[in-house]
Protein backbone atom coordinates (compact mmCIF):
# COMPACT_ATOMS: atom_id res chain seq x y z
CA MET A 1 -12.22 -25.32 -90.49
CA LYS A 2 -14.11 -22.90 -92.75
CA ASN A 3 -16.80 -22.41 -90.12
CA LYS A 4 -14.19 -21.78 -87.50
CA PHE A 5 -12.52 -19.21 -89.77
CA THR A 6 -15.86 -17.48 -90.55
CA LEU A 7 -16.68 -17.30 -86.84
CA LEU A 8 -13.25 -15.72 -86.16
CA VAL A 9 -13.78 -13.09 -88.79
CA ILE A 10 -17.21 -12.28 -87.41
CA ILE A 11 -15.82 -11.92 -83.82
CA VAL A 12 -12.99 -9.63 -85.07
CA LEU A 13 -15.47 -7.47 -87.00
CA LEU A 14 -17.74 -7.16 -84.01
CA VAL A 15 -14.89 -6.19 -81.71
CA SER A 16 -13.68 -3.71 -84.30
CA MET A 17 -17.14 -2.12 -84.54
CA VAL A 18 -17.38 -1.80 -80.79
CA PHE A 19 -13.88 -0.20 -80.69
CA ILE A 20 -14.61 2.20 -83.54
CA THR A 21 -17.94 3.18 -82.06
CA GLY A 22 -16.45 3.84 -78.58
CA CYS A 23 -13.76 6.05 -80.13
CA SER A 24 -16.05 8.07 -82.45
CA LYS A 25 -18.72 8.71 -79.91
CA LYS A 26 -18.70 12.30 -79.02
CA GLU A 27 -17.99 12.92 -75.39
CA ASN A 28 -19.47 16.18 -74.08
CA VAL A 29 -16.36 17.09 -72.08
CA ILE A 30 -14.42 20.36 -72.31
CA LYS A 31 -10.84 20.51 -71.07
CA ILE A 32 -9.25 23.58 -69.56
CA GLY A 33 -5.57 23.70 -68.70
CA PHE A 34 -3.81 25.30 -65.76
CA ASN A 35 -0.24 26.53 -66.14
CA ILE A 36 0.60 27.14 -62.46
CA PRO A 37 3.55 27.03 -60.07
CA MET A 38 2.98 24.09 -57.74
CA THR A 39 6.73 23.94 -56.82
CA GLY A 40 9.65 26.40 -57.07
CA ASP A 41 9.79 29.85 -55.41
CA ILE A 42 6.03 30.52 -55.00
CA PRO A 43 4.15 27.24 -54.72
CA LYS A 44 1.42 28.84 -52.58
CA VAL A 45 0.45 30.68 -55.73
CA GLY A 46 -0.18 27.46 -57.62
CA GLU A 47 -2.08 25.94 -54.63
CA ALA A 48 -4.44 29.05 -54.49
CA SER A 49 -5.19 28.76 -58.16
CA LYS A 50 -5.89 25.00 -57.97
CA PHE A 51 -8.05 25.26 -54.83
CA SER A 52 -10.24 27.92 -56.37
CA ALA A 53 -10.46 25.92 -59.57
CA GLU A 54 -11.52 22.77 -57.76
CA MET A 55 -14.36 24.67 -56.01
CA LYS A 56 -15.59 26.02 -59.38
CA LEU A 57 -15.23 22.62 -61.04
CA LYS A 58 -17.40 21.03 -58.31
CA ASP A 59 -20.03 23.77 -58.65
CA ILE A 60 -20.36 23.39 -62.43
CA ASN A 61 -20.19 19.61 -62.79
CA SER A 62 -22.54 18.88 -59.85
CA ALA A 63 -25.16 21.20 -61.64
CA GLY A 64 -24.78 19.14 -64.84
CA GLY A 65 -22.11 21.20 -66.63
CA ILE A 66 -22.33 24.26 -68.75
CA GLU A 67 -24.67 24.80 -71.66
CA ILE A 68 -23.32 25.73 -75.08
CA GLY A 69 -25.74 25.95 -78.04
CA GLY A 70 -28.36 23.93 -76.14
CA VAL A 71 -25.93 21.15 -75.24
CA LYS A 72 -24.61 20.45 -71.80
CA TYR A 73 -20.89 19.86 -71.37
CA MET A 74 -18.92 18.70 -68.29
CA LEU A 75 -15.60 20.27 -67.52
CA LYS A 76 -12.28 18.60 -66.94
CA PHE A 77 -9.24 20.45 -65.60
CA VAL A 78 -5.66 19.63 -66.43
CA TYR A 79 -3.13 20.95 -63.87
CA GLU A 80 0.52 21.32 -64.80
CA ASP A 81 3.45 22.62 -62.71
CA ASN A 82 5.52 25.36 -64.28
CA GLU A 83 7.96 25.24 -61.34
CA SER A 84 7.92 29.08 -61.02
CA LYS A 85 10.23 29.06 -64.16
CA ALA A 86 9.82 30.84 -67.46
CA GLU A 87 11.18 27.94 -69.57
CA SER A 88 8.86 25.50 -67.68
CA ALA A 89 5.84 27.76 -68.28
CA VAL A 90 6.61 27.56 -72.01
CA ALA A 91 6.97 23.73 -71.93
CA VAL A 92 3.58 23.46 -69.96
CA ALA A 93 1.81 25.67 -72.40
CA LEU A 94 2.99 23.54 -75.33
CA LYS A 95 1.91 20.32 -73.60
CA LEU A 96 -1.46 21.65 -72.72
CA ILE A 97 -2.06 22.86 -76.24
CA GLU A 98 -0.50 20.03 -78.27
CA GLN A 99 -0.93 16.94 -76.15
CA ASP A 100 -3.92 17.63 -73.88
CA LYS A 101 -5.84 19.55 -76.45
CA VAL A 102 -7.35 21.99 -73.97
CA ILE A 103 -9.66 24.68 -75.26
CA GLY A 104 -8.07 27.34 -73.05
CA ILE A 105 -5.47 28.00 -70.36
CA ILE A 106 -5.67 29.64 -66.95
CA GLY A 107 -2.25 31.02 -65.94
CA PRO A 108 0.58 31.48 -65.66
CA ASN A 109 0.24 33.86 -62.70
CA SER A 110 3.54 35.58 -62.30
CA SER A 111 4.52 37.89 -65.08
CA LYS A 112 7.88 36.21 -65.41
CA GLN A 113 6.12 33.07 -66.58
CA ALA A 114 2.95 34.73 -68.00
CA ILE A 115 4.88 36.79 -70.66
CA PRO A 116 6.59 33.75 -72.41
CA GLY A 117 3.54 31.48 -71.63
CA GLY A 118 1.33 34.11 -73.26
CA GLU A 119 3.50 34.16 -76.33
CA VAL A 120 3.05 30.35 -76.81
CA ALA A 121 -0.73 30.58 -76.21
CA ASN A 122 -1.13 33.35 -78.71
CA ASP A 123 1.13 31.84 -81.39
CA ASN A 124 -0.90 28.68 -81.14
CA ARG A 125 -4.23 30.52 -81.10
CA THR A 126 -5.31 29.23 -77.67
CA PRO A 127 -7.08 31.51 -75.27
CA MET A 128 -5.24 32.16 -72.09
CA VAL A 129 -6.40 34.20 -68.98
CA SER A 130 -3.71 35.06 -66.53
CA PRO A 131 -5.15 35.62 -62.95
CA TRP A 132 -2.32 37.70 -61.41
CA SER A 133 0.05 39.01 -64.04
CA THR A 134 0.17 42.88 -64.14
CA ASN A 135 3.02 43.44 -66.67
CA PRO A 136 1.62 44.97 -69.92
CA ALA A 137 3.71 42.68 -72.01
CA THR A 138 1.65 39.62 -71.07
CA THR A 139 -1.33 40.74 -73.29
CA LEU A 140 0.21 43.43 -75.58
CA ASP A 141 -0.45 42.54 -79.30
CA ARG A 142 -1.84 39.12 -78.26
CA PRO A 143 -5.48 38.79 -79.07
CA TYR A 144 -5.71 35.37 -77.54
CA VAL A 145 -4.39 36.50 -74.13
CA PHE A 146 -6.33 38.04 -71.29
CA ARG A 147 -6.00 38.72 -67.64
CA ALA A 148 -8.05 39.31 -64.42
CA ALA A 149 -5.62 41.72 -62.72
CA PHE A 150 -5.05 45.50 -63.11
CA LEU A 151 -1.88 46.62 -64.89
CA ASP A 152 1.39 48.04 -63.48
CA PRO A 153 1.07 51.35 -65.35
CA PHE A 154 -1.97 51.78 -63.16
CA GLN A 155 -0.55 50.36 -60.01
CA GLY A 156 2.63 52.43 -60.05
CA PRO A 157 0.96 55.84 -59.93
CA VAL A 158 -1.49 54.45 -57.27
CA ALA A 159 1.49 53.60 -55.08
CA ALA A 160 3.11 56.96 -55.73
CA LYS A 161 0.00 58.90 -54.82
CA PHE A 162 -0.83 56.82 -51.82
CA GLY A 163 2.71 56.97 -50.47
CA THR A 164 2.70 60.72 -50.94
CA GLU A 165 -0.55 61.32 -49.10
CA GLN A 166 -0.34 58.67 -46.34
CA PHE A 167 3.25 59.31 -45.31
CA ASN A 168 3.22 62.96 -46.27
CA ALA A 169 6.23 61.98 -48.42
CA LYS A 170 8.42 64.05 -50.67
CA THR A 171 11.13 61.40 -51.15
CA ALA A 172 11.07 57.66 -51.60
CA ALA A 173 13.37 54.65 -52.12
CA VAL A 174 12.88 51.45 -54.14
CA ILE A 175 14.21 48.03 -53.75
CA TYR A 176 13.29 45.39 -56.48
CA ASN A 177 14.17 42.09 -58.00
CA LEU A 178 16.24 42.70 -61.14
CA ASP A 179 15.61 39.15 -62.44
CA ASN A 180 11.81 39.49 -62.27
CA ASP A 181 9.81 41.24 -65.03
CA TYR A 182 7.07 42.29 -62.77
CA SER A 183 9.25 43.67 -60.07
CA LYS A 184 11.55 45.49 -62.40
CA GLY A 185 8.62 46.90 -64.40
CA LEU A 186 6.62 48.07 -61.44
CA ALA A 187 9.69 49.74 -59.93
CA GLU A 188 10.09 51.75 -63.09
CA TYR A 189 6.38 52.73 -63.25
CA PHE A 190 6.47 53.79 -59.63
CA THR A 191 9.59 55.89 -60.01
CA ALA A 192 8.29 57.68 -63.06
CA ALA A 193 5.02 58.49 -61.25
CA PHE A 194 6.62 59.60 -58.04
CA GLU A 195 9.21 61.86 -59.80
CA LYS A 196 6.38 63.28 -61.88
CA LEU A 197 4.77 64.35 -58.51
CA HIS A 198 7.91 65.51 -56.72
CA GLY A 199 10.63 66.19 -59.36
CA LYS A 200 13.64 64.29 -60.68
CA GLY A 201 15.78 62.93 -57.95
CA SER A 202 12.95 62.54 -55.44
CA VAL A 203 13.52 58.75 -55.57
CA VAL A 204 16.69 59.09 -53.52
CA ALA A 205 17.76 55.42 -53.73
CA TYR A 206 17.02 52.76 -56.33
CA GLU A 207 18.41 49.40 -55.46
CA SER A 208 18.10 45.89 -56.86
CA PHE A 209 18.94 42.32 -56.04
CA GLY A 210 19.14 39.02 -57.85
CA GLN A 211 16.60 36.23 -57.71
CA LYS A 212 19.05 33.89 -55.80
CA ASP A 213 20.27 36.63 -53.44
CA GLN A 214 19.31 36.11 -49.73
CA ASP A 215 21.21 39.07 -48.20
CA TYR A 216 20.03 42.54 -49.10
CA SER A 217 22.05 44.30 -46.46
CA VAL A 218 24.19 46.29 -48.82
CA GLN A 219 21.24 47.61 -50.76
CA LEU A 220 19.30 48.38 -47.65
CA THR A 221 22.19 50.17 -46.02
CA LYS A 222 22.34 52.51 -48.99
CA ILE A 223 18.61 53.08 -48.77
CA ILE A 224 18.62 53.89 -45.06
CA ALA A 225 21.56 56.19 -45.59
CA ALA A 226 19.49 58.12 -48.16
CA ASN A 227 16.82 58.65 -45.44
CA PRO A 228 13.74 58.43 -47.60
CA ASP A 229 10.22 59.19 -46.36
CA PHE A 230 9.23 55.66 -47.26
CA ILE A 231 10.54 52.60 -49.10
CA PHE A 232 8.53 50.97 -51.96
CA MET A 233 9.06 47.23 -52.22
CA PRO A 234 7.47 45.79 -55.40
CA ILE A 235 8.71 42.24 -54.55
CA TYR A 236 7.08 38.94 -54.05
CA TYR A 237 5.94 37.88 -50.55
CA ASN A 238 8.78 35.33 -50.20
CA LYS A 239 11.23 38.14 -50.70
CA VAL A 240 9.46 40.48 -48.44
CA ALA A 241 10.06 37.87 -45.75
CA LEU A 242 13.81 38.55 -46.24
CA ALA A 243 13.87 42.34 -46.94
CA LEU A 244 11.54 43.54 -44.05
CA PRO A 245 13.41 41.80 -41.20
CA GLN A 246 16.76 42.76 -42.64
CA ALA A 247 15.74 46.36 -42.90
CA GLN A 248 14.48 46.35 -39.28
CA ASP A 249 17.78 44.69 -38.15
CA LEU A 250 19.68 47.54 -39.89
CA GLY A 251 17.72 50.12 -37.95
CA TRP A 252 15.00 51.14 -40.22
CA LYS A 253 11.97 52.27 -38.33
CA GLY A 254 10.26 54.23 -41.19
CA ASN A 255 7.48 53.65 -43.62
CA VAL A 256 7.26 50.81 -46.08
CA LEU A 257 4.79 50.38 -48.86
CA GLY A 258 4.12 47.08 -50.76
CA SER A 259 2.65 46.07 -53.99
CA ASP A 260 0.10 43.40 -55.05
CA SER A 261 2.80 40.68 -54.95
CA TRP A 262 2.56 40.92 -51.12
CA GLY A 263 -1.03 39.55 -51.26
CA SER A 264 -0.33 35.95 -50.30
CA ALA A 265 -1.84 33.94 -47.41
CA GLU A 266 1.76 33.19 -46.39
CA LEU A 267 2.84 36.79 -46.07
CA VAL A 268 2.38 37.07 -42.32
CA THR A 269 3.48 33.45 -41.65
CA LEU A 270 6.70 33.95 -43.42
CA THR A 271 7.57 37.61 -42.46
CA GLY A 272 6.29 37.67 -38.92
CA ASP A 273 5.26 40.74 -36.82
CA VAL A 274 7.41 43.14 -38.74
CA VAL A 275 4.89 43.20 -41.59
CA LYS A 276 2.06 44.20 -39.28
CA GLY A 277 0.94 47.83 -39.79
CA LYS A 278 2.39 47.94 -43.27
CA TYR A 279 0.25 48.96 -46.28
CA PHE A 280 0.19 47.44 -49.74
CA ILE A 281 -1.73 47.73 -52.97
CA THR A 282 -3.76 44.71 -53.83
CA HIS A 283 -6.80 43.41 -55.74
CA TYR A 284 -9.30 42.68 -52.97
CA ALA A 285 -9.71 42.84 -49.19
CA ALA A 286 -11.03 39.78 -47.46
CA ALA A 287 -11.55 41.49 -44.14
CA GLY A 288 -15.00 43.08 -44.20
CA ALA A 289 -16.08 41.57 -47.56
CA LYS A 290 -19.70 41.28 -48.40
CA GLY A 291 -22.09 39.53 -50.83
CA ALA A 292 -20.68 37.10 -53.33
CA THR A 293 -17.07 37.91 -52.28
CA LYS A 294 -17.78 36.96 -48.57
CA GLU A 295 -19.56 33.78 -49.81
CA PHE A 296 -16.48 32.83 -51.76
CA ILE A 297 -14.17 33.57 -48.98
CA ASP A 298 -16.29 31.59 -46.36
CA ARG A 299 -16.51 28.47 -48.65
CA TYR A 300 -12.80 28.60 -49.48
CA ASN A 301 -11.82 29.02 -45.83
CA ALA A 302 -14.18 26.11 -44.85
CA ALA A 303 -12.72 23.84 -47.52
CA TYR A 304 -9.01 24.60 -47.21
CA GLY A 305 -8.53 26.11 -43.75
CA TYR A 306 -7.40 29.57 -44.61
CA VAL A 307 -8.68 32.87 -46.17
CA PRO A 308 -8.17 33.05 -49.88
CA ASP A 309 -5.43 35.43 -51.01
CA ASP A 310 -5.28 37.58 -54.07
CA VAL A 311 -4.39 34.71 -56.32
CA GLY A 312 -7.16 32.51 -54.99
CA ALA A 313 -9.71 35.29 -55.68
CA LEU A 314 -8.18 36.27 -59.04
CA SER A 315 -8.04 32.70 -60.13
CA TRP A 316 -11.81 32.37 -59.38
CA ASP A 317 -12.38 35.35 -61.53
CA ALA A 318 -10.10 34.40 -64.36
CA LEU A 319 -11.86 31.04 -64.63
CA GLY A 320 -15.25 32.77 -64.38
CA VAL A 321 -14.29 34.94 -67.34
CA MET A 322 -13.27 31.86 -69.43
CA ILE A 323 -16.47 30.04 -68.46
CA LYS A 324 -18.57 33.11 -69.43
CA GLY A 325 -16.66 33.03 -72.75
CA LEU A 326 -17.62 29.34 -73.17
CA GLU A 327 -21.22 29.97 -72.46
CA GLY A 328 -21.26 32.78 -75.03
CA MET A 329 -20.11 30.43 -77.85
CA LYS A 330 -22.71 29.29 -80.32
CA GLU A 331 -21.47 25.67 -80.40
CA ILE A 332 -18.65 23.25 -79.83
CA THR A 333 -17.78 21.97 -83.37
CA GLY A 334 -15.26 19.31 -82.22
CA ASP A 335 -12.56 20.95 -84.19
CA ILE A 336 -10.22 22.29 -81.56
CA ALA A 337 -8.72 25.13 -83.63
CA THR A 338 -12.19 26.41 -84.64
CA ASP A 339 -13.46 26.16 -81.01
CA ARG A 340 -10.40 27.93 -79.58
CA THR A 341 -10.89 30.87 -81.91
CA ALA A 342 -14.60 30.93 -81.18
CA LEU A 343 -13.81 31.05 -77.47
CA MET A 344 -11.37 33.98 -77.92
CA GLU A 345 -13.94 35.91 -79.89
CA SER A 346 -16.57 35.21 -77.23
CA ILE A 347 -14.30 36.36 -74.29
CA LYS A 348 -13.60 39.56 -76.35
CA ALA A 349 -17.30 40.18 -76.63
CA ILE A 350 -17.80 40.26 -72.86
CA LYS A 351 -18.87 43.75 -71.97
CA SER A 352 -18.53 43.52 -68.18
CA PHE A 353 -17.85 40.86 -65.62
CA ALA A 354 -18.74 40.97 -61.87
CA GLY A 355 -16.03 39.11 -59.99
CA VAL A 356 -15.23 38.56 -56.38
CA THR A 357 -12.28 41.03 -56.84
CA GLY A 358 -14.78 43.65 -58.23
CA LYS A 359 -16.46 44.62 -61.37
CA MET A 360 -14.44 44.82 -64.58
CA LYS A 361 -14.76 45.51 -68.29
CA PHE A 362 -12.07 44.69 -70.86
CA ASP A 363 -10.20 47.07 -73.11
CA LYS A 364 -8.92 46.19 -76.67
CA ASN A 365 -5.83 44.49 -75.30
CA GLY A 366 -7.79 42.03 -73.15
CA ASP A 367 -6.95 43.95 -69.95
CA PRO A 368 -9.60 44.69 -67.26
CA ILE A 369 -10.44 48.17 -66.21
CA LYS A 370 -10.92 47.78 -62.54
CA GLU A 371 -10.31 49.32 -59.04
CA ALA A 372 -7.23 48.79 -57.02
CA VAL A 373 -7.40 48.28 -53.31
CA ILE A 374 -5.16 49.41 -50.56
CA VAL A 375 -5.02 47.31 -47.32
CA LYS A 376 -3.25 47.43 -44.02
CA VAL A 377 -1.81 44.41 -42.30
CA SER A 378 -3.61 44.40 -38.96
CA ASP A 379 -2.15 43.24 -35.57
CA SER A 380 -4.15 40.05 -36.00
CA GLY A 381 -2.55 39.53 -39.42
CA GLU A 382 -5.66 40.35 -41.54
CA PHE A 383 -5.57 42.53 -44.60
CA GLU A 384 -7.85 45.38 -43.72
CA PHE A 385 -9.42 47.50 -46.42
CA GLN A 386 -8.27 51.11 -46.39
CA MET A 387 -9.48 52.52 -49.66
CA GLY A 388 -10.33 51.72 -53.25
CA VAL A 389 -8.70 53.54 -56.15
CA ALA A 390 -10.60 53.77 -59.50
CA PRO A 391 -8.75 54.04 -62.85
């Protein structure tokens, strides 16, 4: 009996040692989280981010990972759906930080989710890079939050100047989404810039709609009655698919200018021929791209069957910024709080970054200083480069 008891104790001890050794063995894996909309109003945005991330993940891990302090680390990505909602973006950020223990977060994309998501990331001292958010509030006074896109205080004046020159305009109208931080903010920046050029009252109509509204005929009727030289529409591509056909049905045959939120692979599919010939401000132009940008486009197209849109390209760059930050760290200590802070400091130290959406350098707020691009939707549905506008 004694021998059996002794044998049982030995077995238990051996099993315990194996279990303890397996848990304590340091795994050279770094986790990065993605706070992206895979459902809700703009699921194509989440898809584009994930597709670009999967390409990057394959590149890095197939090459043996990334090197930090002489040690190789494989990457693991954790994708979470924020449902295109602000409250869900907050919940996702908390899960990625507290449960998944990611070292950093890519996304949210939309400013409506990126602003509250960025607050959570900053409060928990976790680096976050938003690919597509252009509202200043996303990064303002948040040292742990960065972005890959230019800002709306830059985009608004670009739109005002281009509209003035391209359409020989002295008046303009605006229609925007009152429930969306991005749309509301950019409408304000554009209006201020246009009226600075042409005087107070030169924006002859300023109309808004709610997130759940589907019929914009009242607003568009007022705009058409004001007879502006062009209409500025800083609204997401799914709303463009409602606004443009409705404007046409009401008799509008004039000029329309869009913002970077038009830059989706689904724009032409959802909107139809009415969007062809229209201009919008964006982050890069796929048609006619060269070098590393063309290589990225060709690979993405071959893998997923369509040309990457703004979000796909910006997600590639946002992830590239975070990876460059990781590679600039001296070591991975294993203490997640220490490592997150080290990553933030390493990203801040990046002097310049050459991405597929262009060269960029970061200011003190974590915002890139980079060129905006103006494209025209061709008859074949491609986004053709018209001009670049430097800050």
